[in-house]
Amino acid sequence: MEGATEQIRQRLHDLFAAQHLVVLSTHGDGQPYASLVAFVASNDLKALYFATDRSTRKFANLTAHPPVAMLIDSRTNRVADFHEAVAATATGVAEEVSPAERESLQALYLEKHPHLVDFVTAPTCALVRIKVDCYYLVSRFQNVVKLHITQ
């Protein structure tokens, strides 16, 4: 079982390294809401991070309703995706990172997204952590494995 868990973790690391954008799903005003955001994962996979302006709908939603989901996938919009694409859904709870943590986590984020430095360093920008509870890794559109994350 430990070998299988390590294989799942490696597939997640590979997917996260290859992708820059994810779909964030929040809930607000009685409706789900999806947003495209740039992200980075912690090395231990316990957290995913993204930046957003505090005036956005997604920030208002996750502040009012912290449970969220993120979809990270490798699709290329080709027919081959039906057999080759991999998708991971991460479920967890969102929170703005504390001022004490911001500098080191911002550096992690900017290592992957250096072109977003002006956005991330703006005073109105929040750096948000998703504390991941679980990953659902889907391949071949029907092979689903679940990885629970312990915080």
Foldseek 3Di string as FASTA:
>chain_A
DVVVLVVVLVVVVVLQLVDQWKWKWFDDPNDIDIDIFGWHADSLRQKIKTKDFCPDPRNVRCVVPFWIKIKGKDDPPDPCQLAFMKIKIWIFGKDFDDPVCLPVVVVRSCVSVVVCVVVCPDPRMTMMMGRTQKMWMDGSNPDTDIDGDDD
